[in-house]
Amino acid sequence: MMDNLTAIVKEGEYPSPEYIRALAVEFTDSEPAVLDTAGHDSMIQIPHGFRRVYPRSRNQSSYVQAMRDNEICFCVGPAGTGKTYLAIAQALQAVLSKKMRKLVLTRPVVEAGENLGFLPGDLSQKIDPYLKPLYDAMESLVPYDVIHRMEDTRSIEIAPLAYMRGRSLNDCMVILDEAQNTTKEQMKMFLTRIGTGARAVITGDTTQIDLPRKTESGLLHALEILKNIEGINITFLHTSDVARNPLIKKIIQAYDERE
C-alpha cells in the first residue's frame, strides 16, 4: 500500500482522502501483499483532465484493464461502484489522446419507476434528463470547454439507444449505460453496431431493472449467452467496490439484508 502511495506522490499527484481510504480498506480486508501496484498500473491519465483517475479496488483495476484488452466489455454492479465513471474516463483518455476517433454515449430512455408524462420542448430537451448523468460524469473529469470543443468537432455524441439502429460505428469508443433497461432486441441491435476498430463498454445494475413486468432484460440475457465468447469480458463489481460515498455501501448492504 505504501509503495503505491509513494509512486503516485513522486509523479506529482496527491491522492484524495477517498482513494487513501479505499486503499486502507483493501489492505485490511485482504490477505497481506494482495494489493501491489495494480491500482497504479491501471491509472487513467486524461489529456486536459482535472486529475488522474485511479481505480479504488482490485475489481475496479481489473475492469479498467478489461476495457483496454477487450473489444467488448460488460461491467455489472450496484450503484456507486464506478461503472460509468471509469468507462467514461477510459473513453475520454482514448479519444483525447487520438487513439479513437469518437466517443459515443448512449442509454435506453426508460423511466425509473415513475411516469413523467409529457415532457415539453424539442427532442433534445425531452431526452436531456435521461442523458444528464453521462454529462455529469464527463464534467467531473474534464473542463466544460473541452466537452464543448468535442461537440463542435463531432468527436463526442450522446444519443438515446433507439437512435443506434442501422448505424455502423467504426473507430469509436461506445458506452451503453443503464443496460439493465434494454430489451433483448435492443441489446442485440446495439452489439451488432460495433464496427472496425471500435470498442464497446456496457454497464448496468441488475438490481435496478425498470422494464415493464414480463419483459426480460437484454443485459441479463446477454450475460448468459455471451459469457464464453473470446474478446468479450464480463466484470462484476460488488458492494465492497463502492467508491461514491461510504454511506452508499451501508445503504446497499441494508437493502440487500432486508431483501
C-alpha atoms as a PDB file:
ATOM      1  CA  MET A   1       0.000   0.000   0.000  1.00  0.00           C
ATOM      2  CA  MET A   2       2.762   2.450   0.918  1.00  0.00           C
ATOM      3  CA  ASP A   3       4.639   1.653  -2.319  1.00  0.00           C
ATOM      4  CA  ASN A   4       1.501   2.518  -4.240  1.00  0.00           C
ATOM      5  CA  LEU A   5       1.074   5.862  -2.494  1.00  0.00           C
ATOM      6  CA  THR A   6       4.780   6.710  -2.783  1.00  0.00           C
ATOM      7  CA  ALA A   7       4.804   6.063  -6.524  1.00  0.00           C
ATOM      8  CA  ILE A   8       1.762   8.296  -7.011  1.00  0.00           C
ATOM      9  CA  VAL A   9       3.171  11.195  -4.968  1.00  0.00           C
ATOM     10  CA  LYS A  10       6.551  11.002  -6.754  1.00  0.00           C
ATOM     11  CA  GLU A  11       4.731  11.668 -10.008  1.00  0.00           C
ATOM     12  CA  GLY A  12       3.254  14.866  -8.582  1.00  0.00           C
ATOM     13  CA  GLU A  13      -0.205  13.526  -7.810  1.00  0.00           C
ATOM     14  CA  TYR A  14      -1.728  13.909  -4.368  1.00  0.00           C
ATOM     15  CA  PRO A  15      -4.300  11.159  -3.785  1.00  0.00           C
ATOM     16  CA  SER A  16      -7.701  12.163  -2.478  1.00  0.00           C
ATOM     17  CA  PRO A  17      -8.812  11.122   1.009  1.00  0.00           C
ATOM     18  CA  GLU A  18     -11.315   8.767  -0.650  1.00  0.00           C
ATOM     19  CA  TYR A  19      -8.523   6.985  -2.529  1.00  0.00           C
ATOM     20  CA  ILE A  20      -6.420   6.590   0.606  1.00  0.00           C
ATOM     21  CA  ARG A  21      -9.464   5.275   2.479  1.00  0.00           C
ATOM     22  CA  ALA A  22     -10.155   2.757  -0.285  1.00  0.00           C
ATOM     23  CA  LEU A  23      -6.565   1.522  -0.186  1.00  0.00           C
ATOM     24  CA  ALA A  24      -6.737   1.138   3.574  1.00  0.00           C
ATOM     25  CA  VAL A  25      -9.962  -0.862   3.360  1.00  0.00           C
ATOM     26  CA  GLU A  26      -8.493  -3.067   0.638  1.00  0.00           C
ATOM     27  CA  PHE A  27      -5.376  -3.641   2.708  1.00  0.00           C
ATOM     28  CA  THR A  28      -7.175  -4.512   5.938  1.00  0.00           C
ATOM     29  CA  ASP A  29      -9.821  -6.688   4.267  1.00  0.00           C
ATOM     30  CA  SER A  30      -7.394  -8.721   2.174  1.00  0.00           C
ATOM     31  CA  GLU A  31      -4.513 -11.091   2.589  1.00  0.00           C
ATOM     32  CA  PRO A  32      -1.129  -9.360   3.063  1.00  0.00           C
ATOM     33  CA  ALA A  33       0.555  -8.055  -0.095  1.00  0.00           C
ATOM     34  CA  VAL A  34      -2.548  -8.689  -2.252  1.00  0.00           C
ATOM     35  CA  LEU A  35      -2.699  -5.022  -3.222  1.00  0.00           C
ATOM     36  CA  ASP A  36       0.515  -4.285  -5.095  1.00  0.00           C
ATOM     37  CA  THR A  37       0.721  -1.682  -7.849  1.00  0.00           C
ATOM     38  CA  ALA A  38      -2.412  -2.810  -9.682  1.00  0.00           C
ATOM     39  CA  GLY A  39      -4.300   0.393  -8.989  1.00  0.00           C
ATOM     40  CA  HIS A  40      -1.305   2.464 -10.041  1.00  0.00           C
ATOM     41  CA  ASP A  41      -0.814   0.499 -13.283  1.00  0.00           C
ATOM     42  CA  SER A  42      -4.497   0.985 -14.117  1.00  0.00           C
ATOM     43  CA  MET A  43      -4.359   4.739 -13.611  1.00  0.00           C
ATOM     44  CA  ILE A  44      -6.150   6.747 -16.320  1.00  0.00           C
ATOM     45  CA  GLN A  45      -4.457   9.970 -17.431  1.00  0.00           C
ATOM     46  CA  ILE A  46      -6.919  12.106 -19.409  1.00  0.00           C
ATOM     47  CA  PRO A  47      -5.378  14.837 -21.597  1.00  0.00           C
ATOM     48  CA  HIS A  48      -6.639  18.251 -20.383  1.00  0.00           C
ATOM     49  CA  GLY A  49      -8.366  16.486 -17.478  1.00  0.00           C
ATOM     50  CA  PHE A  50      -8.729  17.793 -13.941  1.00  0.00           C
ATOM     51  CA  ARG A  51      -6.852  14.891 -12.358  1.00  0.00           C
ATOM     52  CA  ARG A  52      -5.637  11.364 -12.840  1.00  0.00           C
ATOM     53  CA  VAL A  53      -8.231   8.693 -12.231  1.00  0.00           C
ATOM     54  CA  TYR A  54      -7.246   5.756 -10.031  1.00  0.00           C
ATOM     55  CA  PRO A  55      -9.259   2.561  -9.550  1.00  0.00           C
ATOM     56  CA  ARG A  56     -10.096   2.202  -5.859  1.00  0.00           C
ATOM     57  CA  SER A  57     -10.278  -1.593  -5.632  1.00  0.00           C
ATOM     58  CA  ARG A  58      -8.813  -4.675  -7.272  1.00  0.00           C
ATOM     59  CA  ASN A  59     -12.089  -5.302  -9.118  1.00  0.00           C
ATOM     60  CA  GLN A  60     -12.051  -1.765 -10.493  1.00  0.00           C
ATOM     61  CA  SER A  61      -8.439  -2.256 -11.619  1.00  0.00           C
ATOM     62  CA  SER A  62      -9.481  -5.448 -13.393  1.00  0.00           C
ATOM     63  CA  TYR A  63     -12.340  -3.539 -15.038  1.00  0.00           C
ATOM     64  CA  VAL A  64     -10.004  -0.842 -16.387  1.00  0.00           C
ATOM     65  CA  GLN A  65      -7.607  -3.468 -17.714  1.00  0.00           C
ATOM     66  CA  ALA A  66     -10.517  -5.347 -19.306  1.00  0.00           C
ATOM     67  CA  MET A  67     -11.569  -2.217 -21.197  1.00  0.00           C
ATOM     68  CA  ARG A  68      -8.031  -1.922 -22.563  1.00  0.00           C
ATOM     69  CA  ASP A  69      -7.727  -5.584 -23.559  1.00  0.00           C
ATOM     70  CA  ASN A  70     -11.161  -6.461 -24.990  1.00  0.00           C
ATOM     71  CA  GLU A  71     -13.299  -5.202 -27.851  1.00  0.00           C
ATOM     72  CA  ILE A  72     -16.497  -5.612 -25.840  1.00  0.00           C
ATOM     73  CA  CYS A  73     -16.605  -5.299 -22.060  1.00  0.00           C
ATOM     74  CA  PHE A  74     -19.585  -5.721 -19.746  1.00  0.00           C
ATOM     75  CA  CYS A  75     -19.472  -4.285 -16.231  1.00  0.00           C
ATOM     76  CA  VAL A  76     -22.237  -5.188 -13.786  1.00  0.00           C
ATOM     77  CA  GLY A  77     -22.569  -3.902 -10.244  1.00  0.00           C
ATOM     78  CA  PRO A  78     -24.560  -1.802  -7.779  1.00  0.00           C
ATOM     79  CA  ALA A  79     -24.768   1.973  -7.648  1.00  0.00           C
ATOM     80  CA  GLY A  80     -21.616   3.855  -6.733  1.00  0.00           C
ATOM     81  CA  THR A  81     -19.089   1.257  -7.873  1.00  0.00           C
ATOM     82  CA  GLY A  82     -17.669   3.429 -10.668  1.00  0.00           C
ATOM     83  CA  LYS A  83     -19.071   1.506 -13.650  1.00  0.00           C
ATOM     84  CA  THR A  84     -19.953   4.563 -15.730  1.00  0.00           C
ATOM     85  CA  TYR A  85     -17.315   6.895 -14.272  1.00  0.00           C
ATOM     86  CA  LEU A  86     -14.376   4.623 -15.119  1.00  0.00           C
ATOM     87  CA  ALA A  87     -15.799   3.812 -18.557  1.00  0.00           C
ATOM     88  CA  ILE A  88     -16.130   7.488 -19.445  1.00  0.00           C
ATOM     89  CA  ALA A  89     -12.662   8.242 -18.043  1.00  0.00           C
ATOM     90  CA  GLN A  90     -11.137   5.490 -20.186  1.00  0.00           C
ATOM     91  CA  ALA A  91     -13.108   6.648 -23.236  1.00  0.00           C
ATOM     92  CA  LEU A  92     -12.096  10.305 -22.820  1.00  0.00           C
ATOM     93  CA  GLN A  93      -8.473   9.220 -22.499  1.00  0.00           C
ATOM     94  CA  ALA A  94      -8.718   7.236 -25.735  1.00  0.00           C
ATOM     95  CA  VAL A  95     -10.438   9.987 -27.734  1.00  0.00           C
ATOM     96  CA  LEU A  96      -8.495  12.994 -26.422  1.00  0.00           C
ATOM     97  CA  SER A  97      -5.199  11.180 -26.998  1.00  0.00           C
ATOM     98  CA  LYS A  98      -6.329  10.428 -30.593  1.00  0.00           C
ATOM     99  CA  LYS A  99      -6.373   6.651 -30.106  1.00  0.00           C
ATOM    100  CA  MET A 100     -10.058   6.639 -31.014  1.00  0.00           C
ATOM    101  CA  ARG A 101     -11.894   8.859 -33.471  1.00  0.00           C
ATOM    102  CA  LYS A 102     -15.058   9.408 -31.496  1.00  0.00           C
ATOM    103  CA  LEU A 103     -16.862   8.799 -28.208  1.00  0.00           C
ATOM    104  CA  VAL A 104     -20.476   7.631 -28.432  1.00  0.00           C
ATOM    105  CA  LEU A 105     -22.554   7.559 -25.240  1.00  0.00           C
ATOM    106  CA  THR A 106     -26.000   6.011 -25.223  1.00  0.00           C
ATOM    107  CA  ARG A 107     -28.609   4.648 -22.853  1.00  0.00           C
ATOM    108  CA  PRO A 108     -32.206   3.422 -23.092  1.00  0.00           C
ATOM    109  CA  VAL A 109     -34.874   6.016 -22.356  1.00  0.00           C
ATOM    110  CA  VAL A 110     -36.728   4.275 -19.535  1.00  0.00           C
ATOM    111  CA  GLU A 111     -38.303   5.998 -16.532  1.00  0.00           C
ATOM    112  CA  ALA A 112     -37.195   4.783 -13.102  1.00  0.00           C
ATOM    113  CA  GLY A 113     -40.467   3.633 -11.570  1.00  0.00           C
ATOM    114  CA  GLU A 114     -42.355   6.821 -12.417  1.00  0.00           C
ATOM    115  CA  ASN A 115     -44.477   8.032 -15.275  1.00  0.00           C
ATOM    116  CA  LEU A 116     -43.262  11.546 -16.025  1.00  0.00           C
ATOM    117  CA  GLY A 117     -45.903  12.102 -18.665  1.00  0.00           C
ATOM    118  CA  PHE A 118     -45.460  14.614 -21.478  1.00  0.00           C
ATOM    119  CA  LEU A 119     -42.152  16.476 -21.441  1.00  0.00           C
ATOM    120  CA  PRO A 120     -42.153  19.917 -23.109  1.00  0.00           C
ATOM    121  CA  GLY A 121     -39.570  21.127 -25.621  1.00  0.00           C
ATOM    122  CA  ASP A 122     -37.879  19.749 -28.718  1.00  0.00           C
ATOM    123  CA  LEU A 123     -36.379  16.261 -28.964  1.00  0.00           C
ATOM    124  CA  SER A 124     -33.061  17.342 -27.439  1.00  0.00           C
ATOM    125  CA  GLN A 125     -34.813  18.847 -24.414  1.00  0.00           C
ATOM    126  CA  LYS A 126     -37.004  15.762 -23.988  1.00  0.00           C
ATOM    127  CA  ILE A 127     -34.115  13.301 -23.795  1.00  0.00           C
ATOM    128  CA  ASP A 128     -31.738  15.548 -21.840  1.00  0.00           C
ATOM    129  CA  PRO A 129     -32.943  14.384 -18.372  1.00  0.00           C
ATOM    130  CA  TYR A 130     -32.155  10.778 -19.295  1.00  0.00           C
ATOM    131  CA  LEU A 131     -28.665  11.563 -20.597  1.00  0.00           C
ATOM    132  CA  LYS A 132     -27.670  14.134 -17.961  1.00  0.00           C
ATOM    133  CA  PRO A 133     -25.836  11.540 -15.772  1.00  0.00           C
ATOM    134  CA  LEU A 134     -23.394  10.979 -18.635  1.00  0.00           C
ATOM    135  CA  TYR A 135     -22.681  14.699 -18.846  1.00  0.00           C
ATOM    136  CA  ASP A 136     -22.243  14.833 -15.072  1.00  0.00           C
ATOM    137  CA  ALA A 137     -19.514  12.198 -15.284  1.00  0.00           C
ATOM    138  CA  MET A 138     -17.726  13.989 -18.113  1.00  0.00           C
ATOM    139  CA  GLU A 139     -17.915  17.388 -16.430  1.00  0.00           C
ATOM    140  CA  SER A 140     -16.280  15.941 -13.307  1.00  0.00           C
ATOM    141  CA  LEU A 141     -13.334  14.728 -15.404  1.00  0.00           C
ATOM    142  CA  VAL A 142     -12.581  17.484 -17.941  1.00  0.00           C
ATOM    143  CA  PRO A 143     -13.390  21.218 -18.212  1.00  0.00           C
ATOM    144  CA  TYR A 144     -16.632  22.113 -19.935  1.00  0.00           C
ATOM    145  CA  ASP A 145     -14.778  23.903 -22.757  1.00  0.00           C
ATOM    146  CA  VAL A 146     -13.117  20.580 -23.648  1.00  0.00           C
ATOM    147  CA  ILE A 147     -16.546  18.913 -23.848  1.00  0.00           C
ATOM    148  CA  HIS A 148     -17.870  21.827 -25.906  1.00  0.00           C
ATOM    149  CA  ARG A 149     -14.909  21.572 -28.290  1.00  0.00           C
ATOM    150  CA  MET A 150     -15.501  17.823 -28.668  1.00  0.00           C
ATOM    151  CA  GLU A 151     -19.139  18.525 -29.504  1.00  0.00           C
ATOM    152  CA  ASP A 152     -18.125  21.141 -32.086  1.00  0.00           C
ATOM    153  CA  THR A 153     -15.729  18.728 -33.770  1.00  0.00           C
ATOM    154  CA  ARG A 154     -18.282  15.891 -33.530  1.00  0.00           C
ATOM    155  CA  SER A 155     -15.805  13.738 -31.608  1.00  0.00           C
ATOM    156  CA  ILE A 156     -18.459  13.144 -28.973  1.00  0.00           C
ATOM    157  CA  GLU A 157     -22.059  12.068 -29.423  1.00  0.00           C
ATOM    158  CA  ILE A 158     -24.745  11.414 -26.826  1.00  0.00           C
ATOM    159  CA  ALA A 159     -27.954   9.830 -28.036  1.00  0.00           C
ATOM    160  CA  PRO A 160     -30.789   7.553 -26.866  1.00  0.00           C
ATOM    161  CA  LEU A 161     -30.372   3.888 -27.713  1.00  0.00           C
ATOM    162  CA  ALA A 162     -33.224   3.977 -30.242  1.00  0.00           C
ATOM    163  CA  TYR A 163     -31.032   6.130 -32.500  1.00  0.00           C
ATOM    164  CA  MET A 164     -28.399   3.401 -32.846  1.00  0.00           C
ATOM    165  CA  ARG A 165     -30.424   1.219 -35.228  1.00  0.00           C
ATOM    166  CA  GLY A 166     -28.964   0.975 -38.723  1.00  0.00           C
ATOM    167  CA  ARG A 167     -25.631   2.537 -37.819  1.00  0.00           C
ATOM    168  CA  SER A 168     -22.100   1.136 -38.106  1.00  0.00           C
ATOM    169  CA  LEU A 169     -19.732   2.562 -35.500  1.00  0.00           C
ATOM    170  CA  ASN A 170     -16.098   2.399 -36.612  1.00  0.00           C
ATOM    171  CA  ASP A 171     -13.012   3.579 -34.680  1.00  0.00           C
ATOM    172  CA  CYS A 172     -15.269   4.652 -31.812  1.00  0.00           C
ATOM    173  CA  MET A 173     -15.380   4.130 -28.081  1.00  0.00           C
ATOM    174  CA  VAL A 174     -19.043   3.288 -27.435  1.00  0.00           C
ATOM    175  CA  ILE A 175     -20.603   3.190 -23.963  1.00  0.00           C
ATOM    176  CA  LEU A 176     -24.070   1.779 -23.297  1.00  0.00           C
ATOM    177  CA  ASP A 177     -25.135   2.892 -19.816  1.00  0.00           C
ATOM    178  CA  GLU A 178     -28.081   1.564 -17.764  1.00  0.00           C
ATOM    179  CA  ALA A 179     -28.039  -1.562 -19.921  1.00  0.00           C
ATOM    180  CA  GLN A 180     -30.282  -3.444 -17.483  1.00  0.00           C
ATOM    181  CA  ASN A 181     -33.150  -1.485 -19.051  1.00  0.00           C
ATOM    182  CA  THR A 182     -32.561  -2.736 -22.580  1.00  0.00           C
ATOM    183  CA  THR A 183     -34.758  -5.426 -24.111  1.00  0.00           C
ATOM    184  CA  LYS A 184     -33.195  -8.491 -25.736  1.00  0.00           C
ATOM    185  CA  GLU A 185     -33.845  -6.971 -29.153  1.00  0.00           C
ATOM    186  CA  GLN A 186     -32.249  -3.655 -28.210  1.00  0.00           C
ATOM    187  CA  MET A 187     -29.133  -5.336 -26.803  1.00  0.00           C
ATOM    188  CA  LYS A 188     -28.658  -7.429 -29.947  1.00  0.00           C
ATOM    189  CA  MET A 189     -29.166  -4.329 -32.081  1.00  0.00           C
ATOM    190  CA  PHE A 190     -26.572  -2.387 -30.075  1.00  0.00           C
ATOM    191  CA  LEU A 191     -23.918  -5.110 -30.066  1.00  0.00           C
ATOM    192  CA  THR A 192     -24.196  -5.556 -33.817  1.00  0.00           C
ATOM    193  CA  ARG A 193     -23.479  -1.839 -34.364  1.00  0.00           C
ATOM    194  CA  ILE A 194     -19.841  -2.307 -33.301  1.00  0.00           C
ATOM    195  CA  GLY A 195     -17.655  -1.858 -36.379  1.00  0.00           C
ATOM    196  CA  THR A 196     -13.978  -1.994 -37.300  1.00  0.00           C
ATOM    197  CA  GLY A 197     -11.584  -0.603 -34.692  1.00  0.00           C
ATOM    198  CA  ALA A 198     -14.387   0.108 -32.235  1.00  0.00           C
ATOM    199  CA  ARG A 199     -14.652  -0.819 -28.566  1.00  0.00           C
ATOM    200  CA  ALA A 200     -17.838  -1.089 -26.555  1.00  0.00           C
ATOM    201  CA  VAL A 201     -18.444  -0.917 -22.806  1.00  0.00           C
ATOM    202  CA  ILE A 202     -21.834  -1.981 -21.469  1.00  0.00           C
ATOM    203  CA  THR A 203     -22.653  -1.047 -17.867  1.00  0.00           C
ATOM    204  CA  GLY A 204     -25.644  -1.919 -15.734  1.00  0.00           C
ATOM    205  CA  ASP A 205     -27.088  -2.728 -12.328  1.00  0.00           C
ATOM    206  CA  THR A 206     -29.231  -5.861 -12.435  1.00  0.00           C
ATOM    207  CA  THR A 207     -30.923  -4.900  -9.147  1.00  0.00           C
ATOM    208  CA  GLN A 208     -32.466  -1.770 -10.714  1.00  0.00           C
ATOM    209  CA  ILE A 209     -34.405  -3.003 -13.734  1.00  0.00           C
ATOM    210  CA  ASP A 210     -37.188  -0.575 -14.689  1.00  0.00           C
ATOM    211  CA  LEU A 211     -38.631  -2.517 -17.621  1.00  0.00           C
ATOM    212  CA  PRO A 212     -42.328  -3.465 -17.601  1.00  0.00           C
ATOM    213  CA  ARG A 213     -43.073  -6.790 -15.960  1.00  0.00           C
ATOM    214  CA  LYS A 214     -42.588  -9.901 -18.104  1.00  0.00           C
ATOM    215  CA  THR A 215     -40.027  -8.056 -20.237  1.00  0.00           C
ATOM    216  CA  GLU A 216     -36.691  -9.837 -19.991  1.00  0.00           C
ATOM    217  CA  SER A 217     -33.643  -7.606 -19.509  1.00  0.00           C
ATOM    218  CA  GLY A 218     -31.345  -7.597 -22.507  1.00  0.00           C
ATOM    219  CA  LEU A 219     -28.386  -7.311 -20.148  1.00  0.00           C
ATOM    220  CA  LEU A 220     -29.247 -10.477 -18.224  1.00  0.00           C
ATOM    221  CA  HIS A 221     -29.849 -12.334 -21.473  1.00  0.00           C
ATOM    222  CA  ALA A 222     -26.539 -11.154 -22.979  1.00  0.00           C
ATOM    223  CA  LEU A 223     -24.544 -12.071 -19.864  1.00  0.00           C
ATOM    224  CA  GLU A 224     -25.812 -15.632 -20.158  1.00  0.00           C
ATOM    225  CA  ILE A 225     -25.335 -16.263 -23.871  1.00  0.00           C
ATOM    226  CA  LEU A 226     -22.088 -14.301 -24.432  1.00  0.00           C
ATOM    227  CA  LYS A 227     -20.091 -15.344 -21.358  1.00  0.00           C
ATOM    228  CA  ASN A 228     -17.850 -17.827 -23.204  1.00  0.00           C
ATOM    229  CA  ILE A 229     -17.014 -15.755 -26.299  1.00  0.00           C
ATOM    230  CA  GLU A 230     -13.368 -14.750 -26.680  1.00  0.00           C
ATOM    231  CA  GLY A 231     -12.915 -10.984 -26.919  1.00  0.00           C
ATOM    232  CA  ILE A 232     -15.876 -10.294 -24.634  1.00  0.00           C
ATOM    233  CA  ASN A 233     -15.101  -9.645 -20.979  1.00  0.00           C
ATOM    234  CA  ILE A 234     -17.579  -9.563 -18.100  1.00  0.00           C
ATOM    235  CA  THR A 235     -16.548  -7.797 -14.891  1.00  0.00           C
ATOM    236  CA  PHE A 236     -18.683  -7.938 -11.758  1.00  0.00           C
ATOM    237  CA  LEU A 237     -18.372  -5.204  -9.135  1.00  0.00           C
ATOM    238  CA  HIS A 238     -19.773  -5.621  -5.640  1.00  0.00           C
ATOM    239  CA  THR A 239     -20.758  -3.627  -2.584  1.00  0.00           C
ATOM    240  CA  SER A 240     -17.134  -3.720  -1.432  1.00  0.00           C
ATOM    241  CA  ASP A 241     -16.205  -1.754  -4.586  1.00  0.00           C
ATOM    242  CA  VAL A 242     -18.476   1.207  -3.805  1.00  0.00           C
ATOM    243  CA  ALA A 243     -16.417   4.387  -4.080  1.00  0.00           C
ATOM    244  CA  ARG A 244     -19.015   7.152  -4.346  1.00  0.00           C
ATOM    245  CA  ASN A 245     -19.606   7.672  -0.630  1.00  0.00           C
ATOM    246  CA  PRO A 246     -19.007   5.344   2.359  1.00  0.00           C
ATOM    247  CA  LEU A 247     -22.700   5.651   3.245  1.00  0.00           C
ATOM    248  CA  ILE A 248     -23.719   4.175  -0.119  1.00  0.00           C
ATOM    249  CA  LYS A 249     -22.077   0.880   0.803  1.00  0.00           C
ATOM    250  CA  LYS A 250     -24.075   0.746   4.050  1.00  0.00           C
ATOM    251  CA  ILE A 251     -27.307   1.620   2.247  1.00  0.00           C
ATOM    252  CA  ILE A 252     -26.832  -1.157  -0.326  1.00  0.00           C
ATOM    253  CA  GLN A 253     -25.991  -3.649   2.395  1.00  0.00           C
ATOM    254  CA  ALA A 254     -29.121  -2.674   4.355  1.00  0.00           C
ATOM    255  CA  TYR A 255     -31.347  -3.192   1.305  1.00  0.00           C
ATOM    256  CA  ASP A 256     -29.653  -6.498   0.475  1.00  0.00           C
ATOM    257  CA  GLU A 257     -30.165  -7.775   4.014  1.00  0.00           C
ATOM    258  CA  ARG A 258     -33.852  -6.836   4.014  1.00  0.00           C
ATOM    259  CA  GLU A 259     -34.457  -8.473   0.604  1.00  0.00           C
END
